[in-house]
Amino acid sequence: MNKNKRLKNPYYQSLIRKMALIVIIVSFTPLVMASCLILDYFHSSYHEKVYAHLGELVQKHQQNIDGFLTERLSNIRFLANSYDFEELSDESFLQNKLTVLQQDYGTVFEDLGVVNEKGLQVAYAGPFKLEKAEYSKADWFKKAMNSRYFISDVFMGLRGQPHFIVSVKSKWQGEWWILRATINFLEFNSLVENLRIGKTGFAFILNREKEFQTKLLIGSISDKKHYMDHFFEAAKVGNKGIHIVEKKDEFGNMKIYVGAFLKNNEWLLVCQQNTTDAFFDLNRVRKIGAVIFLLGGLGIISTAYLMSRRMVNRIATADKEKEMMNQQVIETGKLATIGELAAGIAHEINNPVAIMVEEAGWIEDLLEEEEFKEGENLNEFKRALKQIHTQGGRCKEITFKLLSFARKTDSRAEDVQVNDLIEEVVALSAQRARYGKVLINENLEKDLPFINISQSEMQQVFLNLINNACDAMEKKGGTIEIKTQLAGDYVEVEIADNGPGIAKANLARIFDPFFTTKPVGKGTGLGLSICYGIINKIGGKIDVRSVLDVGTTFRILLPLKKEKAQHTL
């Protein structure tokens, strides 16, 4: 049974699954725990880093925008404090001051105007035709009259374009008047537009009524307005710092909103960015981590399965070897029993055969007497007695060889003639060979030197090789050629058959323990391994050559005794 067939056994399949599961659990548990802890820590740290970065950017722009508004207000305050109502009411004078401001600050200031406490613009300098404009009902004028310094929200006004007003209220001859300046909306809006973060981050400004004060969203109605409730609620309880929230928009996309208040908490600066953009690096690390985890997991699972399969294969091999060893022990016991039985049978046969031969001799002596010499059947009696002697001697020889084979269990080395051993083994195997239609031919070189080996072990080697050849040719019959010759310091023995041969893939394993090409139950796979061990133990060599459908040849080199080997050099 090969490895794959063994592992298909339900018991081994279950063992593989259990071992693989244990390895996977033991390997994955610390990996998952460590990965979760690291990911959680990295997630928290990265969120804090992103929030801190966004908060810092928004705070910086908050300071820039507040600084811009404060500086514009300071410019107008300087004019109002430096010149009185009468001077500033002179349009040429007012135009001159506007020119100075535009020279210093570019197009930030669009126009200047002087408005009396009734809302009438008494002097105007700028590109629009707003002389004598009436502002008494304008919302910005009403608020400006209630405050010494005032910055309005962005509105369309008489000019039909978005703008906002910076004004300073002063008193002249008991009446209030206002010096106002229109701030260029595009200049102001560029401050907000500069706040761009990543690919999706942008900023906008809302007033307390959640009306947009920036060009980006002027005049539009957006569902984003209700997301700002969090910031205004925070302002009510006195928390007026940087605020950060994550919410889904109307399309289900998660966004980050960072808010900070401007203009004495009347405006709210909001920076908005998609979380996928803000946490792009985090998501990329997650994906890379997931791929690494997946590859690592596949590696663990594959390794666990392969290791479990290999270990179970070793267990299965050990079980098979144990089973084979047990079978070998049983077979050895059977052989020992058969040996004892053969010895007993040989003794039992020897006794009647000896009596038969002895009685035949006595009858032969009787035939020498006078009364039998003249009998007409004397020659027939003599022929029969001779046949009895011949067959009795043959039976004695057979029982002698059977006893010799059964009792020779001593592995002590002695001087042995190889040809004699081969002839004994051939005689024992002759009957089986005839039944299998196998012819055994001997080509033994005469006068071979003695070798110092265990006689019983060498009988076992020759008998095993001859039996293997008979097994290979039992279906069609064939011929076994046994040849001996002197080859240098060795006696060479070749046992060749013209059987089916051995596949090339199996030749390298032919001497491995428990390897057999015989059907299940007909071979233990130990015979050739034992032969190899015996030959190797005495310093000899054994090899095999085989061609499919041509035959197999085993060559054995048995070392000569040392003194004989030196003599032949």
Protein backbone atom coordinates (compact mmCIF):
# COMPACT_ATOMS: atom_id res chain seq x y z
CA MET A 1 0.00 0.00 0.00
CA ASN A 2 1.56 3.30 -1.04
CA LYS A 3 1.64 6.49 1.01
CA ASN A 4 -1.41 8.14 -0.56
CA LYS A 5 -3.56 5.07 -0.09
CA ARG A 6 -2.50 4.77 3.53
CA LEU A 7 -3.41 8.39 4.23
CA LYS A 8 -6.88 7.90 2.73
CA ASN A 9 -7.71 5.75 5.72
CA PRO A 10 -10.48 7.57 7.73
CA TYR A 11 -8.46 7.27 10.94
CA TYR A 12 -5.41 8.99 9.43
CA GLN A 13 -7.59 11.58 7.67
CA SER A 14 -9.16 12.47 11.03
CA LEU A 15 -5.74 12.59 12.66
CA ILE A 16 -4.44 14.94 9.95
CA ARG A 17 -7.42 17.28 10.44
CA LYS A 18 -7.04 17.33 14.21
CA MET A 19 -3.29 17.94 14.12
CA ALA A 20 -3.64 20.64 11.45
CA LEU A 21 -6.43 22.31 13.43
CA ILE A 22 -4.33 22.35 16.60
CA VAL A 23 -1.35 23.85 14.76
CA ILE A 24 -3.56 26.46 13.07
CA ILE A 25 -5.22 27.47 16.35
CA VAL A 26 -1.92 27.64 18.23
CA SER A 27 -0.35 29.68 15.41
CA PHE A 28 -3.27 31.97 14.67
CA THR A 29 -4.22 32.86 18.25
CA PRO A 30 -1.10 34.93 19.09
CA LEU A 31 -0.99 36.26 15.51
CA VAL A 32 -4.58 37.51 15.66
CA MET A 33 -4.17 38.95 19.17
CA ALA A 34 -0.93 40.73 18.29
CA SER A 35 -2.39 42.00 15.00
CA CYS A 36 -5.52 43.33 16.72
CA LEU A 37 -3.51 45.09 19.44
CA ILE A 38 -1.09 46.63 16.95
CA LEU A 39 -3.88 47.65 14.59
CA ASP A 40 -5.92 49.16 17.41
CA TYR A 41 -2.91 51.10 18.70
CA PHE A 42 -1.98 52.24 15.19
CA HIS A 43 -5.61 53.15 14.46
CA SER A 44 -5.85 55.28 17.62
CA SER A 45 -2.47 56.89 17.07
CA TYR A 46 -3.18 57.67 13.44
CA HIS A 47 -6.59 59.14 14.28
CA GLU A 48 -4.99 61.35 16.89
CA LYS A 49 -2.33 62.38 14.40
CA VAL A 50 -4.90 63.24 11.70
CA TYR A 51 -7.13 65.10 14.17
CA ALA A 52 -4.15 67.03 15.53
CA HIS A 53 -3.03 67.93 12.01
CA LEU A 54 -6.51 69.07 10.95
CA GLY A 55 -7.00 70.97 14.19
CA GLU A 56 -3.68 72.73 13.75
CA LEU A 57 -4.50 73.75 10.17
CA VAL A 58 -7.95 75.03 11.09
CA GLN A 59 -6.60 76.92 14.09
CA LYS A 60 -3.91 78.51 11.92
CA HIS A 61 -6.49 79.64 9.36
CA GLN A 62 -8.78 80.78 12.16
CA GLN A 63 -6.01 83.07 13.37
CA ASN A 64 -5.27 84.25 9.82
CA ILE A 65 -8.93 85.07 9.08
CA ASP A 66 -9.48 86.72 12.46
CA GLY A 67 -6.27 88.65 11.96
CA PHE A 68 -7.45 89.74 8.51
CA LEU A 69 -10.78 91.00 9.87
CA THR A 70 -9.17 92.70 12.86
CA GLU A 71 -6.59 94.42 10.67
CA ARG A 72 -9.26 95.70 8.24
CA LEU A 73 -11.27 97.00 11.15
CA SER A 74 -8.15 98.70 12.54
CA ASN A 75 -7.58 100.45 9.20
CA ILE A 76 -11.06 101.96 9.31
CA ARG A 77 -10.74 102.85 13.00
CA PHE A 78 -7.52 104.71 12.21
CA LEU A 79 -9.29 106.82 9.56
CA ALA A 80 -12.28 107.49 11.81
CA ASN A 81 -10.07 108.52 14.70
CA SER A 82 -7.66 110.57 12.57
CA TYR A 83 -10.25 112.59 10.63
CA ASP A 84 -13.60 114.08 11.60
CA PHE A 85 -16.95 113.81 9.90
CA GLU A 86 -16.51 117.05 7.98
CA GLU A 87 -13.19 116.03 6.43
CA LEU A 88 -14.33 112.55 5.50
CA SER A 89 -17.58 113.90 4.03
CA ASP A 90 -15.47 115.51 1.30
CA GLU A 91 -15.65 112.90 -1.47
CA SER A 92 -12.32 113.93 -3.01
CA PHE A 93 -10.68 113.56 0.41
CA LEU A 94 -12.43 110.24 0.93
CA GLN A 95 -11.32 109.08 -2.53
CA ASN A 96 -7.76 110.00 -1.65
CA LYS A 97 -7.91 107.87 1.51
CA LEU A 98 -9.36 104.95 -0.44
CA THR A 99 -6.51 105.26 -2.93
CA VAL A 100 -3.97 105.19 -0.07
CA LEU A 101 -5.62 102.07 1.39
CA GLN A 102 -5.65 100.33 -1.98
CA GLN A 103 -2.02 101.21 -2.52
CA ASP A 104 -1.16 99.64 0.84
CA TYR A 105 -3.51 96.60 0.76
CA GLY A 106 -4.33 96.08 -2.88
CA THR A 107 -7.95 95.44 -3.81
CA VAL A 108 -8.99 94.36 -0.32
CA PHE A 109 -10.90 97.64 0.15
CA GLU A 110 -13.48 98.10 -2.62
CA ASP A 111 -14.97 101.44 -1.48
CA LEU A 112 -15.45 103.82 1.45
CA GLY A 113 -18.58 105.55 2.56
CA VAL A 114 -19.73 108.01 5.22
CA VAL A 115 -23.27 107.42 6.49
CA ASN A 116 -25.11 109.71 8.89
CA GLU A 117 -27.25 108.45 11.75
CA LYS A 118 -30.34 108.54 9.51
CA GLY A 119 -28.86 106.00 7.15
CA LEU A 120 -28.06 108.36 4.33
CA GLN A 121 -24.70 107.95 2.69
CA VAL A 122 -23.37 111.51 2.55
CA ALA A 123 -20.06 110.70 0.89
CA TYR A 124 -18.90 107.79 -1.23
CA ALA A 125 -15.62 106.75 -2.87
CA GLY A 126 -15.59 103.66 -5.05
CA PRO A 127 -16.50 102.06 -8.39
CA PHE A 128 -20.26 101.80 -7.76
CA LYS A 129 -22.87 104.55 -8.05
CA LEU A 130 -23.88 104.55 -4.41
CA GLU A 131 -23.87 108.29 -3.75
CA LYS A 132 -26.78 109.26 -1.51
CA ALA A 133 -27.61 105.60 -0.98
CA GLU A 134 -30.24 104.94 1.67
CA TYR A 135 -29.29 102.34 4.31
CA SER A 136 -31.74 103.17 7.08
CA LYS A 137 -33.60 99.90 6.54
CA ALA A 138 -30.52 97.79 5.88
CA ASP A 139 -29.88 95.11 8.45
CA TRP A 140 -26.17 95.85 8.62
CA PHE A 141 -26.87 99.57 9.35
CA LYS A 142 -29.18 98.76 12.22
CA LYS A 143 -26.57 96.51 13.78
CA ALA A 144 -23.77 98.97 13.11
CA MET A 145 -25.68 101.74 14.94
CA ASN A 146 -25.82 99.47 18.00
CA SER A 147 -22.10 98.79 18.11
CA ARG A 148 -19.01 101.00 18.11
CA TYR A 149 -17.21 98.58 15.80
CA PHE A 150 -19.00 96.22 13.46
CA ILE A 151 -18.26 93.56 10.83
CA SER A 152 -21.32 92.43 8.92
CA ASP A 153 -22.22 89.03 7.49
CA VAL A 154 -21.84 88.45 3.77
CA PHE A 155 -24.85 89.76 1.86
CA MET A 156 -25.78 90.85 -1.65
CA GLY A 157 -26.92 94.45 -0.92
CA LEU A 158 -27.65 97.19 -3.45
CA ARG A 159 -24.79 96.19 -5.74
CA GLY A 160 -26.11 92.66 -6.25
CA GLN A 161 -22.78 91.00 -5.43
CA PRO A 162 -21.63 89.16 -2.28
CA HIS A 163 -19.70 91.41 0.07
CA PHE A 164 -19.48 92.38 3.72
CA ILE A 165 -18.93 95.68 5.51
CA VAL A 166 -16.50 96.84 8.18
CA SER A 167 -17.67 99.96 10.00
CA VAL A 168 -16.76 102.31 12.85
CA LYS A 169 -19.32 104.53 14.62
CA SER A 170 -18.25 107.99 15.75
CA LYS A 171 -19.90 111.16 17.04
CA TRP A 172 -19.62 114.67 15.57
CA GLN A 173 -21.47 117.71 16.88
CA GLY A 174 -23.82 115.50 18.89
CA GLU A 175 -24.79 113.24 16.02
CA TRP A 176 -23.62 109.72 15.24
CA TRP A 177 -22.07 108.91 11.94
CA ILE A 178 -20.52 105.78 10.44
CA LEU A 179 -17.39 105.28 8.37
CA ARG A 180 -17.86 102.08 6.47
CA ALA A 181 -15.67 100.10 4.04
CA THR A 182 -16.63 97.27 1.72
CA ILE A 183 -14.19 94.37 1.82
CA ASN A 184 -13.48 92.59 -1.45
CA PHE A 185 -15.22 89.26 -1.10
CA LEU A 186 -12.84 87.43 -3.43
CA GLU A 187 -9.85 88.54 -1.36
CA PHE A 188 -11.55 87.35 1.80
CA ASN A 189 -12.74 84.12 0.21
CA SER A 190 -9.21 83.27 -0.96
CA LEU A 191 -8.18 83.00 2.68
CA VAL A 192 -10.74 80.24 3.14
CA GLU A 193 -10.06 78.57 -0.18
CA ASN A 194 -6.38 78.26 0.74
CA LEU A 195 -7.40 75.71 3.34
CA ARG A 196 -7.21 72.64 1.12
CA ILE A 197 -6.37 69.26 2.63
CA GLY A 198 -5.71 66.17 0.57
CA LYS A 199 -7.89 65.54 -2.45
CA THR A 200 -11.29 66.18 -0.86
CA GLY A 201 -10.65 68.62 1.97
CA PHE A 202 -12.04 72.17 1.70
CA ALA A 203 -13.31 74.89 4.06
CA PHE A 204 -16.36 77.13 4.33
CA ILE A 205 -17.81 79.62 6.82
CA LEU A 206 -21.28 79.77 8.34
CA ASN A 207 -22.90 82.45 10.46
CA ARG A 208 -25.16 81.84 13.44
CA GLU A 209 -28.13 81.40 11.14
CA LYS A 210 -26.14 78.68 9.29
CA GLU A 211 -25.88 80.85 6.17
CA PHE A 212 -22.77 80.40 4.10
CA GLN A 213 -20.29 83.26 4.20
CA THR A 214 -17.99 81.92 1.50
CA LYS A 215 -18.15 81.90 -2.26
CA LEU A 216 -18.06 78.13 -2.49
CA LEU A 217 -21.55 77.64 -1.16
CA ILE A 218 -23.13 81.10 -1.41
CA GLY A 219 -26.81 80.93 -2.30
CA SER A 220 -26.97 77.12 -2.13
CA ILE A 221 -29.01 74.99 0.19
CA SER A 222 -27.09 72.05 1.65
CA ASP A 223 -28.00 69.30 4.00
CA LYS A 224 -24.59 69.81 5.56
CA LYS A 225 -26.00 72.64 7.63
CA HIS A 226 -27.57 70.36 10.20
CA TYR A 227 -24.18 68.71 10.80
CA MET A 228 -23.01 72.00 12.27
CA ASP A 229 -25.43 71.80 15.21
CA HIS A 230 -22.71 70.06 17.20
CA PHE A 231 -20.40 73.07 16.92
CA PHE A 232 -23.04 75.64 17.83
CA GLU A 233 -24.22 73.52 20.76
CA ALA A 234 -20.63 73.35 21.99
CA ALA A 235 -20.33 77.14 21.73
CA LYS A 236 -23.45 77.59 23.90
CA VAL A 237 -21.84 75.75 26.80
CA GLY A 238 -18.67 77.81 26.51
CA ASN A 239 -16.53 75.30 24.65
CA LYS A 240 -15.21 77.54 21.88
CA GLY A 241 -12.01 75.78 20.88
CA ILE A 242 -11.38 73.41 17.98
CA HIS A 243 -14.12 70.79 17.51
CA ILE A 244 -13.89 67.61 15.44
CA VAL A 245 -16.73 65.24 14.55
CA GLU A 246 -17.19 62.35 12.10
CA LYS A 247 -20.59 61.98 10.46
CA LYS A 248 -22.11 60.45 7.36
CA ASP A 249 -23.40 62.77 4.67
CA GLU A 250 -26.67 62.40 2.79
CA PHE A 251 -25.03 59.83 0.50
CA GLY A 252 -23.78 57.67 3.34
CA ASN A 253 -20.14 58.76 2.98
CA MET A 254 -18.27 59.25 6.23
CA LYS A 255 -16.70 62.70 6.55
CA ILE A 256 -14.62 64.58 9.10
CA TYR A 257 -15.75 68.08 10.11
CA VAL A 258 -13.33 70.35 11.97
CA GLY A 259 -14.81 73.61 13.28
CA ALA A 260 -13.49 76.82 14.89
CA PHE A 261 -15.29 80.13 15.64
CA LEU A 262 -14.41 83.49 14.09
CA LYS A 263 -15.38 87.10 14.58
CA ASN A 264 -16.19 86.90 18.29
CA ASN A 265 -17.97 83.55 17.81
CA GLU A 266 -20.37 84.92 15.20
CA TRP A 267 -18.93 82.90 12.33
CA LEU A 268 -17.98 79.23 12.20
CA LEU A 269 -15.03 78.11 10.08
CA VAL A 270 -15.51 74.46 9.03
CA CYS A 271 -13.03 72.21 7.26
CA GLN A 272 -14.55 69.11 5.67
CA GLN A 273 -12.69 66.03 4.36
CA ASN A 274 -13.68 62.51 3.38
CA THR A 275 -12.44 59.95 5.90
CA THR A 276 -11.18 57.77 3.04
CA ASP A 277 -8.95 60.66 2.01
CA ALA A 278 -7.94 61.67 5.53
CA PHE A 279 -7.12 58.10 6.53
CA PHE A 280 -5.74 57.03 3.15
CA ASP A 281 -2.40 55.91 4.58
CA LEU A 282 -4.17 54.09 7.40
CA ASN A 283 -6.45 52.28 4.98
CA ARG A 284 -3.47 51.42 2.77
CA VAL A 285 -1.60 50.00 5.76
CA ARG A 286 -4.74 48.04 6.66
CA LYS A 287 -4.94 46.59 3.15
CA ILE A 288 -1.25 45.73 3.15
CA GLY A 289 -1.66 44.23 6.61
CA ALA A 290 -4.69 42.25 5.44
CA VAL A 291 -2.75 40.91 2.45
CA ILE A 292 0.21 40.01 4.67
CA PHE A 293 -2.14 38.43 7.20
CA LEU A 294 -3.90 36.51 4.43
CA LEU A 295 -0.62 35.29 2.93
CA GLY A 296 0.69 34.46 6.39
CA GLY A 297 -2.56 32.67 7.18
CA LEU A 298 -2.37 30.67 3.97
CA GLY A 299 1.24 29.87 4.78
CA ILE A 300 0.30 28.72 8.28
CA ILE A 301 -2.60 26.62 7.00
CA SER A 302 -0.49 25.09 4.23
CA THR A 303 2.40 24.41 6.58
CA ALA A 304 0.06 22.99 9.22
CA TYR A 305 -1.53 20.68 6.67
CA LEU A 306 1.78 19.59 5.14
CA MET A 307 3.44 19.07 8.53
CA SER A 308 0.41 17.18 9.83
CA ARG A 309 0.29 15.08 6.68
CA ARG A 310 4.01 14.34 6.94
CA MET A 311 3.80 13.48 10.63
CA VAL A 312 0.73 11.30 10.11
CA ASN A 313 2.51 9.66 7.18
CA ARG A 314 5.37 8.80 9.52
CA ILE A 315 2.90 7.49 12.06
CA ALA A 316 1.21 5.46 9.34
CA THR A 317 4.60 4.16 8.18
CA ALA A 318 5.52 3.28 11.76
CA ASP A 319 2.18 1.52 12.18
CA LYS A 320 2.77 -0.35 8.94
CA GLU A 321 6.29 -1.31 9.99
CA LYS A 322 4.96 -2.42 13.35
CA GLU A 323 2.32 -4.49 11.62
CA MET A 324 4.97 -5.95 9.28
CA MET A 325 7.27 -6.67 12.22
CA ASN A 326 4.45 -8.40 14.04
CA GLN A 327 3.74 -10.39 10.90
CA GLN A 328 7.43 -11.18 10.58
CA VAL A 329 7.53 -12.36 14.18
CA ILE A 330 4.54 -14.58 13.44
CA GLU A 331 6.19 -15.86 10.26
CA THR A 332 9.44 -16.46 12.14
CA GLY A 333 7.52 -18.38 14.76
CA LYS A 334 5.87 -20.39 12.03
CA LEU A 335 9.25 -21.12 10.45
CA ALA A 336 10.66 -22.17 13.80
CA THR A 337 7.68 -24.46 14.33
CA ILE A 338 8.03 -25.84 10.83
CA GLY A 339 11.72 -26.43 11.48
CA GLU A 340 10.97 -28.35 14.64
CA LEU A 341 8.22 -30.25 12.84
CA ALA A 342 10.59 -31.03 9.94
CA ALA A 343 13.23 -32.29 12.37
CA GLY A 344 10.68 -34.52 14.09
CA ILE A 345 9.34 -35.85 10.81
CA ALA A 346 12.89 -36.50 9.56
CA HIS A 347 13.65 -38.53 12.72
CA GLU A 348 10.40 -40.46 12.39
CA ILE A 349 11.11 -41.25 8.74
CA ASN A 350 14.74 -42.19 9.38
CA ASN A 351 13.80 -44.97 11.79
CA PRO A 352 11.50 -46.98 9.45
CA VAL A 353 13.78 -46.29 6.48
CA ALA A 354 16.75 -47.65 8.46
CA ILE A 355 14.77 -50.77 9.37
CA MET A 356 13.71 -51.17 5.73
CA VAL A 357 17.30 -50.96 4.52
CA GLU A 358 18.49 -53.30 7.27
CA GLU A 359 15.80 -55.88 6.46
CA ALA A 360 16.63 -55.60 2.76
CA GLY A 361 20.26 -56.41 3.64
CA TRP A 362 19.19 -59.40 5.68
CA ILE A 363 17.02 -60.68 2.80
CA GLU A 364 20.00 -60.18 0.48
CA ASP A 365 22.09 -62.37 2.79
CA LEU A 366 19.39 -65.03 2.79
CA LEU A 367 19.38 -65.12 -0.99
CA GLU A 368 23.01 -66.26 -0.84
CA GLU A 369 21.93 -69.57 0.68
CA GLU A 370 21.74 -72.71 -1.49
CA GLU A 371 18.06 -73.13 -1.38
CA PHE A 372 17.45 -69.66 -2.96
CA LYS A 373 20.31 -69.67 -5.47
CA GLU A 374 18.54 -71.97 -7.78
CA GLY A 375 15.25 -69.99 -7.72
CA GLU A 376 14.03 -68.75 -11.04
CA ASN A 377 13.15 -65.29 -9.54
CA LEU A 378 16.55 -64.77 -7.91
CA ASN A 379 17.57 -62.02 -10.29
CA GLU A 380 14.25 -60.25 -9.83
CA PHE A 381 14.69 -60.43 -6.04
CA LYS A 382 18.15 -58.99 -6.32
CA ARG A 383 16.93 -56.18 -8.57
CA ALA A 384 14.15 -55.31 -6.09
CA LEU A 385 16.58 -55.39 -3.14
CA LYS A 386 18.96 -53.10 -5.02
CA GLN A 387 16.10 -50.70 -5.70
CA ILE A 388 15.16 -50.80 -2.00
CA HIS A 389 18.76 -49.95 -1.05
CA THR A 390 18.86 -47.14 -3.60
CA GLN A 391 15.55 -45.54 -2.59
CA GLY A 392 16.32 -46.01 1.11
CA GLY A 393 19.62 -44.21 0.64
CA ARG A 394 17.81 -41.44 -1.19
CA CYS A 395 15.26 -41.09 1.63
CA LYS A 396 18.12 -40.98 4.12
CA GLU A 397 19.87 -38.27 2.11
CA ILE A 398 16.67 -36.18 1.91
CA THR A 399 16.00 -36.43 5.63
CA PHE A 400 19.65 -35.62 6.32
CA LYS A 401 19.41 -32.38 4.28
CA LEU A 402 16.09 -31.52 5.90
CA LEU A 403 17.59 -31.98 9.36
CA SER A 404 20.66 -30.02 8.32
CA PHE A 405 18.57 -27.07 7.12
CA ALA A 406 16.24 -27.16 10.15
CA ARG A 407 19.04 -27.29 12.74
CA LYS A 408 21.61 -24.95 11.24
CA THR A 409 20.66 -21.76 13.14
CA ASP A 410 24.12 -20.99 14.38
CA SER A 411 25.45 -17.74 12.79
CA ARG A 412 29.06 -18.40 13.75
CA ALA A 413 31.48 -18.13 10.80
CA GLU A 414 33.29 -21.23 9.55
CA ASP A 415 35.16 -22.31 6.43
CA VAL A 416 32.56 -23.14 3.81
CA GLN A 417 32.64 -24.36 0.22
CA VAL A 418 30.16 -22.16 -1.69
CA ASN A 419 29.43 -24.80 -4.34
CA ASP A 420 28.38 -27.31 -1.65
CA LEU A 421 25.97 -24.77 -0.13
CA ILE A 422 24.45 -24.01 -3.51
CA GLU A 423 23.95 -27.70 -4.31
CA GLU A 424 22.21 -28.26 -0.98
CA VAL A 425 19.86 -25.29 -1.50
CA VAL A 426 19.14 -26.34 -5.11
CA ALA A 427 18.24 -29.84 -3.88
CA LEU A 428 15.80 -28.35 -1.36
CA SER A 429 14.26 -26.08 -4.03
CA ALA A 430 14.14 -28.68 -6.81
CA GLN A 431 10.65 -29.97 -6.05
CA ARG A 432 9.12 -26.46 -5.94
CA ALA A 433 10.93 -25.55 -9.17
CA ARG A 434 9.47 -28.56 -10.96
CA TYR A 435 5.95 -27.64 -9.86
CA GLY A 436 6.50 -24.10 -11.17
CA LYS A 437 7.93 -25.33 -14.49
CA VAL A 438 11.26 -23.74 -13.59
CA LEU A 439 14.54 -25.30 -14.67
CA ILE A 440 17.59 -24.69 -12.46
CA ASN A 441 20.96 -24.89 -14.25
CA GLU A 442 24.26 -24.87 -12.37
CA ASN A 443 27.55 -23.66 -13.79
CA LEU A 444 29.88 -23.96 -10.81
CA GLU A 445 33.63 -23.43 -11.11
CA LYS A 446 35.55 -26.29 -9.57
CA ASP A 447 38.10 -26.06 -6.78
CA LEU A 448 36.92 -22.68 -5.47
CA PRO A 449 38.70 -21.62 -2.27
CA PHE A 450 36.89 -21.79 1.05
CA ILE A 451 35.31 -18.67 2.47
CA ASN A 452 34.75 -17.87 6.14
CA ILE A 453 31.02 -17.31 6.58
CA SER A 454 27.99 -18.55 8.47
CA GLN A 455 26.72 -21.60 6.61
CA SER A 456 23.09 -21.11 7.73
CA GLU A 457 23.06 -17.43 6.78
CA MET A 458 24.46 -18.12 3.30
CA GLN A 459 21.89 -20.87 2.82
CA GLN A 460 19.24 -18.30 3.72
CA VAL A 461 20.63 -15.84 1.13
CA PHE A 462 20.74 -18.40 -1.72
CA LEU A 463 17.37 -19.89 -0.83
CA ASN A 464 15.75 -16.46 -0.73
CA LEU A 465 17.10 -15.47 -4.15
CA ILE A 466 16.09 -18.79 -5.73
CA ASN A 467 12.59 -18.60 -4.20
CA ASN A 468 12.16 -15.00 -5.42
CA ALA A 469 13.09 -16.11 -8.95
CA CYS A 470 10.60 -18.99 -8.75
CA ASP A 471 7.88 -16.63 -7.52
CA ALA A 472 8.55 -14.24 -10.41
CA MET A 473 8.21 -17.04 -12.99
CA GLU A 474 5.45 -19.11 -11.38
CA LYS A 475 2.86 -18.22 -14.05
CA LYS A 476 4.85 -18.96 -17.22
CA GLY A 477 7.87 -20.90 -15.97
CA GLY A 478 11.44 -20.22 -17.01
CA THR A 479 15.09 -20.88 -16.26
CA ILE A 480 17.36 -20.02 -13.33
CA GLU A 481 21.10 -19.93 -14.08
CA ILE A 482 23.46 -20.24 -11.09
CA LYS A 483 27.10 -19.48 -11.79
CA THR A 484 30.14 -19.34 -9.52
CA GLN A 485 33.68 -18.19 -10.31
CA LEU A 486 36.76 -16.67 -8.73
CA ALA A 487 36.93 -12.90 -9.21
CA GLY A 488 40.09 -11.44 -7.64
CA ASP A 489 39.69 -11.36 -3.86
CA TYR A 490 36.10 -12.56 -4.09
CA VAL A 491 34.09 -15.59 -5.00
CA GLU A 492 31.43 -14.36 -7.38
CA VAL A 493 27.96 -15.94 -7.40
CA GLU A 494 25.39 -14.99 -10.04
CA ILE A 495 21.75 -16.06 -9.83
CA ALA A 496 19.94 -15.04 -13.03
CA ASP A 497 16.40 -15.69 -14.25
CA ASN A 498 14.55 -14.91 -17.47
CA GLY A 499 11.41 -13.77 -15.69
CA PRO A 500 9.42 -10.50 -16.09
CA GLY A 501 12.17 -8.32 -14.59
CA ILE A 502 11.97 -5.38 -12.16
CA ALA A 503 10.86 -1.86 -13.03
CA LYS A 504 13.69 0.70 -13.06
CA ALA A 505 11.87 2.88 -10.52
CA ASN A 506 11.91 0.01 -8.01
CA LEU A 507 15.56 -1.02 -8.40
CA ALA A 508 16.82 1.74 -6.09
CA ARG A 509 14.54 0.49 -3.29
CA ILE A 510 14.83 -3.24 -3.82
CA PHE A 511 16.97 -3.73 -0.67
CA ASP A 512 14.89 -1.37 1.55
CA PRO A 513 13.16 -3.00 4.53
CA PHE A 514 9.45 -3.76 3.98
CA PHE A 515 9.61 -2.85 0.30
CA THR A 516 8.01 -5.53 -1.86
CA THR A 517 6.44 -5.79 -5.29
CA LYS A 518 4.59 -8.97 -4.40
CA PRO A 519 0.82 -8.95 -3.80
CA VAL A 520 -0.48 -8.27 -0.29
CA GLY A 521 -0.03 -11.33 1.94
CA LYS A 522 2.66 -12.95 -0.26
CA GLY A 523 5.69 -11.00 0.87
CA THR A 524 7.00 -9.15 3.91
CA GLY A 525 9.58 -7.04 2.08
CA LEU A 526 12.32 -8.26 4.44
CA GLY A 527 13.97 -11.07 2.43
CA LEU A 528 16.29 -8.98 0.26
CA SER A 529 16.94 -6.55 3.11
CA ILE A 530 18.12 -9.47 5.26
CA CYS A 531 20.25 -10.76 2.38
CA TYR A 532 21.83 -7.34 1.97
CA GLY A 533 22.54 -7.16 5.70
CA ILE A 534 24.17 -10.63 5.75
CA ILE A 535 26.40 -9.94 2.72
CA ASN A 536 27.33 -6.46 3.97
CA LYS A 537 28.19 -7.86 7.42
CA ILE A 538 30.87 -10.18 6.04
CA GLY A 539 32.37 -7.43 3.85
CA GLY A 540 30.82 -8.66 0.64
CA LYS A 541 28.79 -6.96 -2.05
CA ILE A 542 25.42 -7.61 -3.63
CA ASP A 543 23.86 -5.79 -6.57
CA VAL A 544 21.10 -6.34 -9.06
CA ARG A 545 20.61 -5.78 -12.79
CA SER A 546 17.20 -6.13 -14.38
CA VAL A 547 15.45 -5.46 -17.68
CA LEU A 548 11.69 -5.68 -18.03
CA ASP A 549 10.55 -8.79 -19.95
CA VAL A 550 14.18 -9.98 -20.15
CA GLY A 551 15.08 -11.03 -16.65
CA THR A 552 16.92 -10.24 -13.42
CA THR A 553 20.46 -11.05 -12.29
CA PHE A 554 21.71 -10.87 -8.70
CA ARG A 555 25.50 -10.78 -8.31
CA ILE A 556 27.08 -11.61 -4.96
CA LEU A 557 30.76 -11.08 -4.15
CA LEU A 558 31.93 -13.09 -1.14
CA PRO A 559 35.40 -12.13 0.25
CA LEU A 560 38.09 -14.80 0.45
CA LYS A 561 39.87 -15.61 3.66
CA LYS A 562 42.64 -13.05 4.23
CA GLU A 563 45.54 -15.46 3.90
CA LYS A 564 44.07 -16.88 0.69
CA ALA A 565 43.47 -13.43 -0.72
CA GLN A 566 47.09 -12.46 -0.05
CA HIS A 567 48.27 -15.68 -1.66
CA THR A 568 46.31 -14.96 -4.86
CA LEU A 569 47.82 -11.47 -5.28
